PDB file of N, CA and C in Angstrom:
ATOM      1  N   MET A   1     -17.984  -3.970  -3.693  1.00  0.00           N
ATOM      2  CA  MET A   1     -17.728  -3.467  -4.563  1.00  0.00           C
ATOM      3  C   MET A   1     -17.077  -2.084  -4.208  1.00  0.00           C
ATOM      4  N   LEU A   2     -17.818  -1.420  -2.936  1.00  0.00           N
ATOM      5  CA  LEU A   2     -17.152  -0.731  -2.242  1.00  0.00           C
ATOM      6  C   LEU A   2     -16.040   0.017  -1.855  1.00  0.00           C
ATOM      7  N   GLN A   3     -14.966  -2.001  -1.076  1.00  0.00           N
ATOM      8  CA  GLN A   3     -14.454  -1.972  -1.088  1.00  0.00           C
ATOM      9  C   GLN A   3     -13.199  -1.565  -1.807  1.00  0.00           C
ATOM     10  N   ASN A   4     -13.224  -2.468  -3.463  1.00  0.00           N
ATOM     11  CA  ASN A   4     -12.694  -2.197  -4.065  1.00  0.00           C
ATOM     12  C   ASN A   4     -12.233  -1.038  -4.618  1.00  0.00           C
ATOM     13  N   THR A   5     -13.233  -0.410  -4.588  1.00  0.00           N
ATOM     14  CA  THR A   5     -13.346   0.487  -4.897  1.00  0.00           C
ATOM     15  C   THR A   5     -12.289   2.016  -4.278  1.00  0.00           C
ATOM     16  N   LEU A   6     -12.641   2.036  -2.812  1.00  0.00           N
ATOM     17  CA  LEU A   6     -11.451   2.759  -1.933  1.00  0.00           C
ATOM     18  C   LEU A   6     -10.518   2.049  -2.019  1.00  0.00           C
ATOM     19  N   HIS A   7     -10.252   0.513  -1.886  1.00  0.00           N
ATOM     20  CA  HIS A   7      -8.552  -0.232  -2.513  1.00  0.00           C
ATOM     21  C   HIS A   7      -8.226   0.313  -3.104  1.00  0.00           C
ATOM     22  N   TYR A   8      -8.442   0.743  -4.551  1.00  0.00           N
ATOM     23  CA  TYR A   8      -7.696   0.833  -5.836  1.00  0.00           C
ATOM     24  C   TYR A   8      -7.951   2.282  -6.046  1.00  0.00           C
ATOM     25  N   SER A   9      -8.750   3.265  -5.420  1.00  0.00           N
ATOM     26  CA  SER A   9      -8.568   5.036  -5.012  1.00  0.00           C
ATOM     27  C   SER A   9      -7.862   5.651  -4.587  1.00  0.00           C
ATOM     28  N   LEU A  10      -6.597   4.674  -3.287  1.00  0.00           N
ATOM     29  CA  LEU A  10      -6.263   4.691  -2.589  1.00  0.00           C
ATOM     30  C   LEU A  10      -4.649   4.584  -3.101  1.00  0.00           C
ATOM     31  N   HIS A  11      -4.633   3.426  -4.040  1.00  0.00           N
ATOM     32  CA  HIS A  11      -3.910   2.481  -4.549  1.00  0.00           C
ATOM     33  C   HIS A  11      -3.034   3.676  -5.987  1.00  0.00           C
ATOM     34  N   PHE A  12      -4.487   4.350  -6.488  1.00  0.00           N
ATOM     35  CA  PHE A  12      -3.709   4.913  -7.651  1.00  0.00           C
ATOM     36  C   PHE A  12      -3.906   6.831  -7.398  1.00  0.00           C
ATOM     37  N   LEU A  13      -5.182   7.319  -5.953  1.00  0.00           N
ATOM     38  CA  LEU A  13      -4.999   8.916  -5.992  1.00  0.00           C
ATOM     39  C   LEU A  13      -4.599   9.781  -5.041  1.00  0.00           C
ATOM     40  N   ALA A  14      -4.573   8.482  -4.027  1.00  0.00           N
ATOM     41  CA  ALA A  14      -3.963   9.415  -2.723  1.00  0.00           C
ATOM     42  C   ALA A  14      -2.495   9.701  -3.207  1.00  0.00           C
ATOM     43  N   PRO A  15      -1.493   8.707  -3.362  1.00  0.00           N
ATOM     44  CA  PRO A  15      -0.454   8.686  -4.113  1.00  0.00           C
ATOM     45  C   PRO A  15      -0.496   9.931  -5.064  1.00  0.00           C
ATOM     46  N   GLY A  16      -1.613   9.984  -5.565  1.00  0.00           N
ATOM     47  CA  GLY A  16      -1.481  11.283  -7.058  1.00  0.00           C
ATOM     48  C   GLY A  16      -1.224  12.913  -6.141  1.00  0.00           C
ATOM     49  N   LEU A  17      -2.892  12.761  -5.079  1.00  0.00           N
ATOM     50  CA  LEU A  17      -2.573  13.346  -4.860  1.00  0.00           C
ATOM     51  C   LEU A  17      -1.342  14.114  -3.689  1.00  0.00           C
ATOM     52  N   PHE A  18      -1.147  13.155  -2.748  1.00  0.00           N
ATOM     53  CA  PHE A  18       0.810  13.433  -2.009  1.00  0.00           C
ATOM     54  C   PHE A  18       1.214  14.024  -2.906  1.00  0.00           C
ATOM     55  N   ALA A  19       1.222  13.664  -3.604  1.00  0.00           N
ATOM     56  CA  ALA A  19       2.449  13.976  -4.735  1.00  0.00           C
ATOM     57  C   ALA A  19       2.179  15.244  -4.956  1.00  0.00           C
ATOM     58  N   PHE A  20       0.960  16.151  -5.349  1.00  0.00           N
ATOM     59  CA  PHE A  20       1.050  17.204  -5.565  1.00  0.00           C
ATOM     60  C   PHE A  20       1.587  18.206  -4.724  1.00  0.00           C
ATOM     61  N   VAL A  21       0.592  17.860  -3.796  1.00  0.00           N
ATOM     62  CA  VAL A  21       0.666  19.082  -2.619  1.00  0.00           C
ATOM     63  C   VAL A  21       2.558  19.244  -2.121  1.00  0.00           C
ATOM     64  N   PHE A  22       3.236  17.946  -1.642  1.00  0.00           N
ATOM     65  CA  PHE A  22       4.351  17.766  -1.139  1.00  0.00           C
ATOM     66  C   PHE A  22       5.668  17.529  -1.862  1.00  0.00           C
ATOM     67  N   PHE A  23       4.795  17.765  -3.512  1.00  0.00           N
ATOM     68  CA  PHE A  23       6.004  17.084  -3.927  1.00  0.00           C
ATOM     69  C   PHE A  23       5.593  18.197  -5.738  1.00  0.00           C
ATOM     70  N   ARG A  24       5.503  19.322  -5.740  1.00  0.00           N
ATOM     71  CA  ARG A  24       5.364  19.788  -6.796  1.00  0.00           C
ATOM     72  C   ARG A  24       5.809  20.186  -7.837  1.00  0.00           C
ATOM     73  N   SER A  25       6.786  20.234  -8.243  1.00  0.00           N
ATOM     74  CA  SER A  25       7.459  20.402  -8.745  1.00  0.00           C
ATOM     75  C   SER A  25       7.970  19.246 -10.270  1.00  0.00           C
ATOM     76  N   ASN A  26       8.178  18.330  -9.078  1.00  0.00           N
ATOM     77  CA  ASN A  26       8.318  17.325  -9.917  1.00  0.00           C
ATOM     78  C   ASN A  26       7.015  15.503  -9.544  1.00  0.00           C
ATOM     79  N   TRP A  27       5.839  16.524  -9.232  1.00  0.00           N
ATOM     80  CA  TRP A  27       4.270  15.638  -8.727  1.00  0.00           C
ATOM     81  C   TRP A  27       4.390  14.574 -10.383  1.00  0.00           C
ATOM     82  N   LYS A  28       4.372  14.491 -10.749  1.00  0.00           N
ATOM     83  CA  LYS A  28       4.143  13.097 -12.141  1.00  0.00           C
ATOM     84  C   LYS A  28       5.452  12.316 -11.632  1.00  0.00           C
ATOM     85  N   ARG A  29       5.717  12.885 -11.470  1.00  0.00           N
ATOM     86  CA  ARG A  29       7.473  11.841 -11.532  1.00  0.00           C
ATOM     87  C   ARG A  29       7.541  11.225 -10.291  1.00  0.00           C
ATOM     88  N   ALA A  30       6.916  11.931  -9.076  1.00  0.00           N
ATOM     89  CA  ALA A  30       7.242  11.312  -7.741  1.00  0.00           C
ATOM     90  C   ALA A  30       5.059  10.582  -7.625  1.00  0.00           C
ATOM     91  N   TRP A  31       4.505  11.067  -8.551  1.00  0.00           N
ATOM     92  CA  TRP A  31       3.702   9.572  -8.763  1.00  0.00           C
ATOM     93  C   TRP A  31       3.550   8.483  -9.128  1.00  0.00           C
ATOM     94  N   ILE A  32       4.536   8.845 -10.431  1.00  0.00           N
ATOM     95  CA  ILE A  32       4.590   7.675 -10.852  1.00  0.00           C
ATOM     96  C   ILE A  32       5.281   6.675 -10.104  1.00  0.00           C
ATOM     97  N   ILE A  33       6.446   7.414  -9.387  1.00  0.00           N
ATOM     98  CA  ILE A  33       7.518   6.670  -8.388  1.00  0.00           C
ATOM     99  C   ILE A  33       6.268   5.454  -7.751  1.00  0.00           C
ATOM    100  N   MET A  34       6.019   6.447  -6.857  1.00  0.00           N
ATOM    101  CA  MET A  34       4.945   5.611  -5.736  1.00  0.00           C
ATOM    102  C   MET A  34       3.685   4.484  -6.241  1.00  0.00           C
ATOM    103  N   VAL A  35       2.949   5.282  -7.833  1.00  0.00           N
ATOM    104  CA  VAL A  35       1.999   3.798  -7.789  1.00  0.00           C
ATOM    105  C   VAL A  35       3.167   2.341  -8.367  1.00  0.00           C
ATOM    106  N   ALA A  36       4.879   2.965  -9.241  1.00  0.00           N
ATOM    107  CA  ALA A  36       5.686   1.563  -9.075  1.00  0.00           C
ATOM    108  C   ALA A  36       5.289   1.515  -8.278  1.00  0.00           C
ATOM    109  N   THR A  37       5.240   1.629  -6.442  1.00  0.00           N
ATOM    110  CA  THR A  37       6.084   0.500  -5.445  1.00  0.00           C
ATOM    111  C   THR A  37       4.755  -0.596  -5.587  1.00  0.00           C
ATOM    112  N   MET A  38       3.598  -0.826  -5.567  1.00  0.00           N
ATOM    113  CA  MET A  38       2.747  -1.608  -5.982  1.00  0.00           C
ATOM    114  C   MET A  38       3.740  -2.595  -6.080  1.00  0.00           C
ATOM    115  N   VAL A  39       4.947  -2.391  -7.398  1.00  0.00           N
ATOM    116  CA  VAL A  39       5.721  -3.840  -6.871  1.00  0.00           C
ATOM    117  C   VAL A  39       5.485  -5.147  -5.859  1.00  0.00           C
ATOM    118  N   ILE A  40       5.277  -3.976  -4.740  1.00  0.00           N
ATOM    119  CA  ILE A  40       5.571  -4.891  -3.818  1.00  0.00           C
ATOM    120  C   ILE A  40       4.544  -6.594  -4.156  1.00  0.00           C
ATOM    121  N   ASP A  41       3.623  -6.308  -4.301  1.00  0.00           N
ATOM    122  CA  ASP A  41       2.101  -7.614  -4.559  1.00  0.00           C
ATOM    123  C   ASP A  41       2.763  -8.491  -5.538  1.00  0.00           C
ATOM    124  N   VAL A  42       4.220  -8.469  -5.781  1.00  0.00           N
ATOM    125  CA  VAL A  42       4.956  -9.709  -6.231  1.00  0.00           C
ATOM    126  C   VAL A  42       4.809 -10.637  -5.264  1.00  0.00           C
ATOM    127  N   ASP A  43       5.182 -10.587  -3.587  1.00  0.00           N
ATOM    128  CA  ASP A  43       4.927 -10.829  -2.760  1.00  0.00           C
ATOM    129  C   ASP A  43       3.267 -12.083  -2.596  1.00  0.00           C
ATOM    130  N   HIS A  44       3.103 -11.636  -3.018  1.00  0.00           N
ATOM    131  CA  HIS A  44       0.951 -12.169  -3.472  1.00  0.00           C
ATOM    132  C   HIS A  44       1.059 -13.398  -3.741  1.00  0.00           C
ATOM    133  N   LEU A  45       2.255 -13.775  -4.808  1.00  0.00           N
ATOM    134  CA  LEU A  45       2.530 -14.954  -5.261  1.00  0.00           C
ATOM    135  C   LEU A  45       3.103 -16.434  -4.568  1.00  0.00           C
ATOM    136  N   LEU A  46       3.365 -15.910  -3.825  1.00  0.00           N
ATOM    137  CA  LEU A  46       4.361 -17.375  -2.717  1.00  0.00           C
ATOM    138  C   LEU A  46       3.002 -17.943  -2.913  1.00  0.00           C
ATOM    139  N   ALA A  47       1.904 -17.383  -1.486  1.00  0.00           N
ATOM    140  CA  ALA A  47       1.267 -17.187  -1.001  1.00  0.00           C
ATOM    141  C   ALA A  47       0.109 -18.353  -2.140  1.00  0.00           C
ATOM    142  N   THR A  48      -0.327 -19.759  -1.174  1.00  0.00           N
ATOM    143  CA  THR A  48      -1.615 -19.971  -1.920  1.00  0.00           C
ATOM    144  C   THR A  48      -3.175 -20.346  -1.139  1.00  0.00           C
ATOM    145  N   PRO A  49      -4.027 -19.717  -1.694  1.00  0.00           N
ATOM    146  CA  PRO A  49      -4.452 -19.278  -2.933  1.00  0.00           C
ATOM    147  C   PRO A  49      -3.756 -17.465  -2.599  1.00  0.00           C
ATOM    148  N   ILE A  50      -3.477 -17.731  -3.979  1.00  0.00           N
ATOM    149  CA  ILE A  50      -3.191 -16.379  -4.355  1.00  0.00           C
ATOM    150  C   ILE A  50      -3.657 -15.186  -3.973  1.00  0.00           C
ATOM    151  N   PHE A  51      -5.320 -14.694  -3.920  1.00  0.00           N
ATOM    152  CA  PHE A  51      -5.522 -14.101  -4.004  1.00  0.00           C
ATOM    153  C   PHE A  51      -6.401 -14.736  -2.585  1.00  0.00           C
ATOM    154  N   ASP A  52      -6.807 -13.828  -1.577  1.00  0.00           N
ATOM    155  CA  ASP A  52      -7.789 -14.777  -0.611  1.00  0.00           C
ATOM    156  C   ASP A  52      -8.257 -13.481  -0.415  1.00  0.00           C
ATOM    157  N   PRO A  53      -9.835 -12.740  -0.219  1.00  0.00           N
ATOM    158  CA  PRO A  53     -10.329 -11.920  -0.253  1.00  0.00           C
ATOM    159  C   PRO A  53     -10.183 -12.051   1.472  1.00  0.00           C
ATOM    160  N   SER A  54     -10.393 -12.603   2.204  1.00  0.00           N
ATOM    161  CA  SER A  54     -10.467 -12.756   3.615  1.00  0.00           C
ATOM    162  C   SER A  54      -8.411 -12.189   4.116  1.00  0.00           C
ATOM    163  N   ARG A  55      -7.797 -12.217   3.511  1.00  0.00           N
ATOM    164  CA  ARG A  55      -7.029 -12.428   4.172  1.00  0.00           C
ATOM    165  C   ARG A  55      -5.841 -11.457   4.701  1.00  0.00           C
ATOM    166  N   CYS A  56      -5.224 -10.646   5.349  1.00  0.00           N
ATOM    167  CA  CYS A  56      -5.473  -9.471   5.846  1.00  0.00           C
ATOM    168  C   CYS A  56      -3.501 -10.096   5.316  1.00  0.00           C
ATOM    169  N   SER A  57      -3.092  -8.733   4.546  1.00  0.00           N
ATOM    170  CA  SER A  57      -1.858  -8.907   3.521  1.00  0.00           C
ATOM    171  C   SER A  57      -0.829  -8.835   4.853  1.00  0.00           C
ATOM    172  N   VAL A  58      -1.023  -6.775   5.272  1.00  0.00           N
ATOM    173  CA  VAL A  58       0.336  -6.556   6.356  1.00  0.00           C
ATOM    174  C   VAL A  58      -0.077  -7.809   7.143  1.00  0.00           C
ATOM    175  N   GLY A  59       0.791  -8.017   7.744  1.00  0.00           N
ATOM    176  CA  GLY A  59       1.818  -8.970   8.380  1.00  0.00           C
ATOM    177  C   GLY A  59       1.752 -10.645   8.079  1.00  0.00           C
ATOM    178  N   PHE A  60       1.024 -10.675   6.826  1.00  0.00           N
ATOM    179  CA  PHE A  60       1.384 -12.144   5.954  1.00  0.00           C
ATOM    180  C   PHE A  60       2.309 -12.028   5.058  1.00  0.00           C
ATOM    181  N   HIS A  61       1.817 -11.657   3.915  1.00  0.00           N
ATOM    182  CA  HIS A  61       3.188 -11.429   2.658  1.00  0.00           C
ATOM    183  C   HIS A  61       4.791 -11.112   3.092  1.00  0.00           C
ATOM    184  N   PRO A  62       5.947 -11.739   2.912  1.00  0.00           N
ATOM    185  CA  PRO A  62       7.103 -10.524   3.283  1.00  0.00           C
ATOM    186  C   PRO A  62       7.602  -9.489   2.840  1.00  0.00           C
ATOM    187  N   LEU A  63       6.562  -8.962   1.769  1.00  0.00           N
ATOM    188  CA  LEU A  63       7.122  -7.081   1.799  1.00  0.00           C
ATOM    189  C   LEU A  63       6.353  -6.453   1.782  1.00  0.00           C
ATOM    190  N   HIS A  64       4.882  -7.273   2.953  1.00  0.00           N
ATOM    191  CA  HIS A  64       3.782  -6.952   3.630  1.00  0.00           C
ATOM    192  C   HIS A  64       3.920  -7.211   5.434  1.00  0.00           C
ATOM    193  N   SER A  65       5.220  -7.290   5.815  1.00  0.00           N
ATOM    194  CA  SER A  65       5.742  -7.739   6.521  1.00  0.00           C
ATOM    195  C   SER A  65       6.164  -6.489   7.645  1.00  0.00           C
ATOM    196  N   TYR A  66       6.222  -6.514   9.203  1.00  0.00           N
ATOM    197  CA  TYR A  66       5.874  -5.604  10.300  1.00  0.00           C
ATOM    198  C   TYR A  66       7.380  -5.352   9.995  1.00  0.00           C
ATOM    199  N   TYR A  67       8.378  -5.986   9.715  1.00  0.00           N
ATOM    200  CA  TYR A  67      10.707  -6.174   9.426  1.00  0.00           C
ATOM    201  C   TYR A  67       9.852  -5.252   8.562  1.00  0.00           C
ATOM    202  N   ALA A  68       9.135  -5.430   7.168  1.00  0.00           N
ATOM    203  CA  ALA A  68       9.433  -4.737   6.167  1.00  0.00           C
ATOM    204  C   ALA A  68       9.175  -3.477   5.850  1.00  0.00           C
ATOM    205  N   ILE A  69       8.097  -3.002   6.783  1.00  0.00           N
ATOM    206  CA  ILE A  69       7.278  -1.803   7.526  1.00  0.00           C
ATOM    207  C   ILE A  69       8.618  -0.732   7.778  1.00  0.00           C
ATOM    208  N   VAL A  70       9.216  -1.786   8.492  1.00  0.00           N
ATOM    209  CA  VAL A  70      10.485  -0.824   9.874  1.00  0.00           C
ATOM    210  C   VAL A  70      10.918  -0.347   8.310  1.00  0.00           C
ATOM    211  N   ILE A  71      12.047  -0.980   7.401  1.00  0.00           N
ATOM    212  CA  ILE A  71      12.682  -0.571   6.222  1.00  0.00           C
ATOM    213  C   ILE A  71      12.129   0.075   6.210  1.00  0.00           C
ATOM    214  N   TYR A  72      10.743   0.508   5.467  1.00  0.00           N
ATOM    215  CA  TYR A  72       9.529   0.934   4.601  1.00  0.00           C
ATOM    216  C   TYR A  72       9.541   2.236   5.955  1.00  0.00           C
ATOM    217  N   LEU A  73       9.704   2.728   6.923  1.00  0.00           N
ATOM    218  CA  LEU A  73       9.968   3.984   7.784  1.00  0.00           C
ATOM    219  C   LEU A  73      11.310   4.404   8.052  1.00  0.00           C
ATOM    220  N   PHE A  74      12.451   3.247   7.732  1.00  0.00           N
ATOM    221  CA  PHE A  74      13.824   3.996   7.758  1.00  0.00           C
ATOM    222  C   PHE A  74      14.258   5.238   6.050  1.00  0.00           C
ATOM    223  N   LEU A  75      13.684   3.993   5.637  1.00  0.00           N
ATOM    224  CA  LEU A  75      13.810   5.116   3.744  1.00  0.00           C
ATOM    225  C   LEU A  75      13.386   6.231   4.515  1.00  0.00           C
ATOM    226  N   LEU A  76      12.456   6.440   4.888  1.00  0.00           N
ATOM    227  CA  LEU A  76      11.825   8.072   4.395  1.00  0.00           C
ATOM    228  C   LEU A  76      13.240   9.233   5.252  1.00  0.00           C
ATOM    229  N   ILE A  77      14.303   8.718   5.941  1.00  0.00           N
ATOM    230  CA  ILE A  77      15.032   9.379   7.093  1.00  0.00           C
ATOM    231  C   ILE A  77      15.717  10.299   5.290  1.00  0.00           C
ATOM    232  N   PHE A  78      15.673   8.875   4.524  1.00  0.00           N
ATOM    233  CA  PHE A  78      17.157  10.170   2.955  1.00  0.00           C
ATOM    234  C   PHE A  78      15.831  10.369   2.225  1.00  0.00           C
ATOM    235  N   LYS A  79      16.893  11.786   1.754  1.00  0.00           N
ATOM    236  CA  LYS A  79      16.165  11.872   0.742  1.00  0.00           C
ATOM    237  C   LYS A  79      15.774  11.580  -0.598  1.00  0.00           C
ATOM    238  N   GLN A  80      16.625  10.715  -1.052  1.00  0.00           N
ATOM    239  CA  GLN A  80      16.818  10.154  -1.832  1.00  0.00           C
ATOM    240  C   GLN A  80      15.453   8.606  -2.324  1.00  0.00           C
ATOM    241  N   SER A  81      15.642   8.163  -0.918  1.00  0.00           N
ATOM    242  CA  SER A  81      14.618   7.342  -0.947  1.00  0.00           C
ATOM    243  C   SER A  81      13.140   7.759  -0.181  1.00  0.00           C
ATOM    244  N   ARG A  82      13.029   8.752  -0.409  1.00  0.00           N
ATOM    245  CA  ARG A  82      12.068   9.540   0.564  1.00  0.00           C
ATOM    246  C   ARG A  82      10.522   9.354  -0.211  1.00  0.00           C
ATOM    247  N   ILE A  83      10.705   9.152  -2.137  1.00  0.00           N
ATOM    248  CA  ILE A  83       8.959   9.252  -2.763  1.00  0.00           C
ATOM    249  C   ILE A  83       8.996   7.471  -2.588  1.00  0.00           C
ATOM    250  N   VAL A  84       9.778   6.956  -2.573  1.00  0.00           N
ATOM    251  CA  VAL A  84       9.483   4.599  -2.607  1.00  0.00           C
ATOM    252  C   VAL A  84       8.935   4.890  -1.241  1.00  0.00           C
ATOM    253  N   ALA A  85       9.603   5.814  -0.194  1.00  0.00           N
ATOM    254  CA  ALA A  85       9.502   5.009   1.020  1.00  0.00           C
ATOM    255  C   ALA A  85       7.707   5.607   0.697  1.00  0.00           C
ATOM    256  N   VAL A  86       7.829   6.684   0.736  1.00  0.00           N
ATOM    257  CA  VAL A  86       6.338   7.122   0.794  1.00  0.00           C
ATOM    258  C   VAL A  86       5.128   6.446   0.517  1.00  0.00           C
ATOM    259  N   GLY A  87       5.557   6.089  -1.443  1.00  0.00           N
ATOM    260  CA  GLY A  87       4.691   4.843  -1.602  1.00  0.00           C
ATOM    261  C   GLY A  87       4.641   3.474  -0.822  1.00  0.00           C
ATOM    262  N   LEU A  88       5.819   3.154  -0.733  1.00  0.00           N
ATOM    263  CA  LEU A  88       5.450   1.612   0.020  1.00  0.00           C
ATOM    264  C   LEU A  88       4.508   1.724   1.164  1.00  0.00           C
ATOM    265  N   LEU A  89       4.772   3.380   2.337  1.00  0.00           N
ATOM    266  CA  LEU A  89       4.331   3.092   3.034  1.00  0.00           C
ATOM    267  C   LEU A  89       2.700   3.222   2.841  1.00  0.00           C
ATOM    268  N   PHE A  90       2.421   4.029   1.812  1.00  0.00           N
ATOM    269  CA  PHE A  90       0.895   3.984   1.926  1.00  0.00           C
ATOM    270  C   PHE A  90       0.562   3.455   1.196  1.00  0.00           C
ATOM    271  N   HIS A  91       1.573   2.180   0.449  1.00  0.00           N
ATOM    272  CA  HIS A  91       0.458   0.833   0.114  1.00  0.00           C
ATOM    273  C   HIS A  91       0.219  -0.222   1.301  1.00  0.00           C
ATOM    274  N   ILE A  92       1.171  -0.125   2.227  1.00  0.00           N
ATOM    275  CA  ILE A  92       0.349  -0.609   3.293  1.00  0.00           C
ATOM    276  C   ILE A  92      -0.614   0.067   4.397  1.00  0.00           C
ATOM    277  N   ILE A  93      -0.642   1.435   3.724  1.00  0.00           N
ATOM    278  CA  ILE A  93      -1.960   1.938   4.673  1.00  0.00           C
ATOM    279  C   ILE A  93      -3.344   0.887   3.877  1.00  0.00           C
ATOM    280  N   THR A  94      -2.632   1.461   2.498  1.00  0.00           N
ATOM    281  CA  THR A  94      -4.527   1.103   1.953  1.00  0.00           C
ATOM    282  C   THR A  94      -4.367  -0.581   1.971  1.00  0.00           C
ATOM    283  N   ASP A  95      -3.923  -1.396   2.341  1.00  0.00           N
ATOM    284  CA  ASP A  95      -3.606  -3.147   2.460  1.00  0.00           C
ATOM    285  C   ASP A  95      -4.172  -3.082   3.697  1.00  0.00           C
ATOM    286  N   TYR A  96      -3.783  -2.260   4.786  1.00  0.00           N
ATOM    287  CA  TYR A  96      -3.858  -2.198   6.503  1.00  0.00           C
ATOM    288  C   TYR A  96      -5.514  -1.872   6.173  1.00  0.00           C
ATOM    289  N   GLN A  97      -6.293  -0.958   5.796  1.00  0.00           N
ATOM    290  CA  GLN A  97      -7.495  -0.373   5.737  1.00  0.00           C
ATOM    291  C   GLN A  97      -8.857  -1.859   5.464  1.00  0.00           C
ATOM    292  N   ASP A  98      -8.110  -2.557   3.789  1.00  0.00           N
ATOM    293  CA  ASP A  98      -8.554  -4.363   3.596  1.00  0.00           C
ATOM    294  C   ASP A  98      -8.507  -4.850   4.883  1.00  0.00           C
ATOM    295  N   CYS A  99      -7.769  -4.780   6.262  1.00  0.00           N
ATOM    296  CA  CYS A  99      -7.729  -5.248   6.543  1.00  0.00           C
ATOM    297  C   CYS A  99      -8.964  -4.979   7.818  1.00  0.00           C
ATOM    298  N   TYR A 100      -9.219  -3.973   8.287  1.00  0.00           N
ATOM    299  CA  TYR A 100     -10.282  -3.941   8.899  1.00  0.00           C
ATOM    300  C   TYR A 100     -11.882  -4.362   8.880  1.00  0.00           C
ATOM    301  N   TRP A 101     -11.581  -3.584   7.261  1.00  0.00           N
ATOM    302  CA  TRP A 101     -12.892  -4.032   5.771  1.00  0.00           C
ATOM    303  C   TRP A 101     -12.914  -5.443   6.154  1.00  0.00           C
ATOM    304  N   SER A 102     -11.675  -6.476   6.143  1.00  0.00           N
ATOM    305  CA  SER A 102     -12.321  -8.230   6.232  1.00  0.00           C
ATOM    306  C   SER A 102     -13.433  -8.158   7.570  1.00  0.00           C
ATOM    307  N   SER A 103     -13.064  -7.946   8.472  1.00  0.00           N
ATOM    308  CA  SER A 103     -13.418  -7.293   9.966  1.00  0.00           C
ATOM    309  C   SER A 103     -14.713  -7.301   9.912  1.00  0.00           C
ATOM    310  N   PHE A 104     -14.689  -6.064   9.422  1.00  0.00           N
ATOM    311  CA  PHE A 104     -16.310  -5.543   9.749  1.00  0.00           C
ATOM    312  C   PHE A 104     -17.136  -6.505   9.475  1.00  0.00           C
ATOM    313  N   VAL A 105     -16.428  -7.260   7.955  1.00  0.00           N
ATOM    314  CA  VAL A 105     -17.463  -8.178   7.489  1.00  0.00           C
ATOM    315  C   VAL A 105     -17.943  -8.877   7.773  1.00  0.00           C
ATOM    316  N   THR A 106     -16.895  -9.756   8.482  1.00  0.00           N
ATOM    317  CA  THR A 106     -16.500 -11.126   9.517  1.00  0.00           C
ATOM    318  C   THR A 106     -17.633 -10.396  10.564  1.00  0.00           C
ATOM    319  N   ILE A 107     -17.693  -9.350  11.168  1.00  0.00           N
ATOM    320  CA  ILE A 107     -18.256  -9.652  12.210  1.00  0.00           C
ATOM    321  C   ILE A 107     -20.368  -8.975  12.053  1.00  0.00           C
ATOM    322  N   HIS A 108     -19.713  -8.532  11.680  1.00  0.00           N
ATOM    323  CA  HIS A 108     -21.419  -7.983  10.557  1.00  0.00           C
ATOM    324  C   HIS A 108     -22.278  -8.876   9.861  1.00  0.00           C
ATOM    325  N   GLY A 109     -21.584  -9.368   8.864  1.00  0.00           N
ATOM    326  CA  GLY A 109     -22.070 -10.565   7.511  1.00  0.00           C
ATOM    327  C   GLY A 109     -22.488  -9.659   6.689  1.00  0.00           C
ATOM    328  N   ARG A 110     -21.923  -8.855   6.696  1.00  0.00           N
ATOM    329  CA  ARG A 110     -22.080  -7.776   5.373  1.00  0.00           C
ATOM    330  C   ARG A 110     -21.331  -7.913   4.375  1.00  0.00           C
TER     331      ARG A 110
END
C-alpha cells in the first residue's frame, strides 16, 4: 500500500510542485502536460502479463527503455518540449523507484 501511495503521489503531486515552482505563470498548464505524459504507460499493453508488480518497467518496456530516456533528456534542450521532457523524466524516475522497492521486498521478504 505504501509503495502504491508513493508511486501515484510522485506521478501526480511531484509534477504539480515542480510546475508551481518552475513554471509559475502557467503552472496549471505545465502540470496537466506533465501528468499527460503518463500516456507512455501504453507500452505496458505489449507485455504479458500487462501488469507484474515484481517487474521493473525501466529498461523493460519500449517507452521506458534507456534509448527512450536519452531522447527524453535530449528534449530538455528545447524550450518547446521542455515541459513534456520533464514530465517524461518524472515518470521514469517514479517508475525507477519501484524497481528499488521491488528489490527491497525480494531481499528482505516484506
